[in-house]
Amino acid sequence: MGYPGALDLRVIEPDLAELLFEARASSVERGESFWFLDDHDPVELIPVMEKLGFTVQSFVYSATEFRVFAGRL
């Protein structure tokens, strides 16, 4: 199952991941959503998500992949 348009943070340097996530999330309108992928539970992004008004659901796909659905309220 693919996720077209998903932000794949697994291939991003950790120090850039938050900046890229914030840029992508900022482009999402209220009532819209997007998927992002990470190699760990992205708890460090919770403050950014809360600040931008997102609610999230994480789905553990494997030991090395988290698929996260982020919806903007």
C-alpha atoms as a PDB file:
ATOM      1  CA  MET A   1       0.000   0.000   0.000  1.00  0.00           C
ATOM      2  CA  GLY A   2       1.546   3.271  -1.086  1.00  0.00           C
ATOM      3  CA  TYR A   3       1.089   6.744   0.265  1.00  0.00           C
ATOM      4  CA  PRO A   4       1.268   9.174  -2.670  1.00  0.00           C
ATOM      5  CA  GLY A   5       2.436  12.582  -1.516  1.00  0.00           C
ATOM      6  CA  ALA A   6       3.572  11.283   1.875  1.00  0.00           C
ATOM      7  CA  LEU A   7       6.485  13.043   3.519  1.00  0.00           C
ATOM      8  CA  ASP A   8       9.170  10.416   4.065  1.00  0.00           C
ATOM      9  CA  LEU A   9      11.284  11.521   7.013  1.00  0.00           C
ATOM     10  CA  ARG A  10      13.191   8.229   7.046  1.00  0.00           C
ATOM     11  CA  VAL A  11      15.519   9.536   4.349  1.00  0.00           C
ATOM     12  CA  ILE A  12      16.021  12.996   5.903  1.00  0.00           C
ATOM     13  CA  GLU A  13      18.824  14.000   8.242  1.00  0.00           C
ATOM     14  CA  PRO A  14      17.347  14.260  11.755  1.00  0.00           C
ATOM     15  CA  ASP A  15      18.310  17.921  12.147  1.00  0.00           C
ATOM     16  CA  LEU A  16      16.332  18.801   8.988  1.00  0.00           C
ATOM     17  CA  ALA A  17      13.320  16.580   9.612  1.00  0.00           C
ATOM     18  CA  GLU A  18      11.513  19.030  11.912  1.00  0.00           C
ATOM     19  CA  LEU A  19      12.015  21.929   9.480  1.00  0.00           C
ATOM     20  CA  LEU A  20      10.745  19.884   6.539  1.00  0.00           C
ATOM     21  CA  PHE A  21       7.812  18.602   8.540  1.00  0.00           C
ATOM     22  CA  GLU A  22       6.834  22.111   9.620  1.00  0.00           C
ATOM     23  CA  ALA A  23       7.073  23.395   6.037  1.00  0.00           C
ATOM     24  CA  ARG A  24       4.879  20.543   4.731  1.00  0.00           C
ATOM     25  CA  ALA A  25       2.386  20.793   7.580  1.00  0.00           C
ATOM     26  CA  SER A  26       2.079  24.562   7.161  1.00  0.00           C
ATOM     27  CA  SER A  27       0.851  24.040   3.602  1.00  0.00           C
ATOM     28  CA  VAL A  28      -2.096  21.899   4.750  1.00  0.00           C
ATOM     29  CA  GLU A  29      -5.407  23.755   5.035  1.00  0.00           C
ATOM     30  CA  ARG A  30      -7.811  23.249   7.938  1.00  0.00           C
ATOM     31  CA  GLY A  31      -9.877  20.114   7.391  1.00  0.00           C
ATOM     32  CA  GLU A  32      -7.153  18.514   5.239  1.00  0.00           C
ATOM     33  CA  SER A  33      -4.561  15.897   6.086  1.00  0.00           C
ATOM     34  CA  PHE A  34      -1.404  14.162   4.967  1.00  0.00           C
ATOM     35  CA  TRP A  35       0.655  11.071   5.708  1.00  0.00           C
ATOM     36  CA  PHE A  36       4.255  11.014   6.824  1.00  0.00           C
ATOM     37  CA  LEU A  37       6.635   8.144   7.400  1.00  0.00           C
ATOM     38  CA  ASP A  38       9.386   7.874   9.980  1.00  0.00           C
ATOM     39  CA  ASP A  39      11.761   5.235  11.287  1.00  0.00           C
ATOM     40  CA  HIS A  40      10.691   5.871  14.891  1.00  0.00           C
ATOM     41  CA  ASP A  41       7.686   7.197  16.805  1.00  0.00           C
ATOM     42  CA  PRO A  42       8.031  10.920  16.014  1.00  0.00           C
ATOM     43  CA  VAL A  43       7.277  12.234  19.507  1.00  0.00           C
ATOM     44  CA  GLU A  44       9.693  15.139  18.941  1.00  0.00           C
ATOM     45  CA  LEU A  45       7.213  16.534  16.397  1.00  0.00           C
ATOM     46  CA  ILE A  46       4.277  16.650  18.829  1.00  0.00           C
ATOM     47  CA  PRO A  47       4.895  20.293  19.853  1.00  0.00           C
ATOM     48  CA  VAL A  48       5.013  21.342  16.186  1.00  0.00           C
ATOM     49  CA  MET A  49       1.837  19.410  15.399  1.00  0.00           C
ATOM     50  CA  GLU A  50       0.007  20.909  18.376  1.00  0.00           C
ATOM     51  CA  LYS A  51       1.164  24.430  17.509  1.00  0.00           C
ATOM     52  CA  LEU A  52      -0.182  24.048  13.962  1.00  0.00           C
ATOM     53  CA  GLY A  53      -3.490  22.514  15.106  1.00  0.00           C
ATOM     54  CA  PHE A  54      -3.023  18.897  14.030  1.00  0.00           C
ATOM     55  CA  THR A  55      -4.369  15.699  15.460  1.00  0.00           C
ATOM     56  CA  VAL A  56      -2.462  12.527  14.615  1.00  0.00           C
ATOM     57  CA  GLN A  57      -2.731   8.763  14.544  1.00  0.00           C
ATOM     58  CA  SER A  58       0.378   6.607  14.376  1.00  0.00           C
ATOM     59  CA  PHE A  59       0.399   3.174  12.835  1.00  0.00           C
ATOM     60  CA  VAL A  60       3.360   0.938  13.535  1.00  0.00           C
ATOM     61  CA  TYR A  61       4.001  -0.884  10.296  1.00  0.00           C
ATOM     62  CA  SER A  62       7.224  -2.641  11.286  1.00  0.00           C
ATOM     63  CA  ALA A  63      10.096  -2.292  13.715  1.00  0.00           C
ATOM     64  CA  THR A  64      11.645   0.287  11.391  1.00  0.00           C
ATOM     65  CA  GLU A  65       8.632   2.166  10.019  1.00  0.00           C
ATOM     66  CA  PHE A  66       5.923   4.335  11.521  1.00  0.00           C
ATOM     67  CA  ARG A  67       3.132   5.614   9.265  1.00  0.00           C
ATOM     68  CA  VAL A  68       1.510   8.699  10.693  1.00  0.00           C
ATOM     69  CA  PHE A  69      -1.736  10.314   9.586  1.00  0.00           C
ATOM     70  CA  ALA A  70      -1.865  14.009  10.456  1.00  0.00           C
ATOM     71  CA  GLY A  71      -5.115  15.941  10.131  1.00  0.00           C
ATOM     72  CA  ARG A  72      -5.436  19.684  10.639  1.00  0.00           C
ATOM     73  CA  LEU A  73      -8.393  20.789  12.739  1.00  0.00           C
END
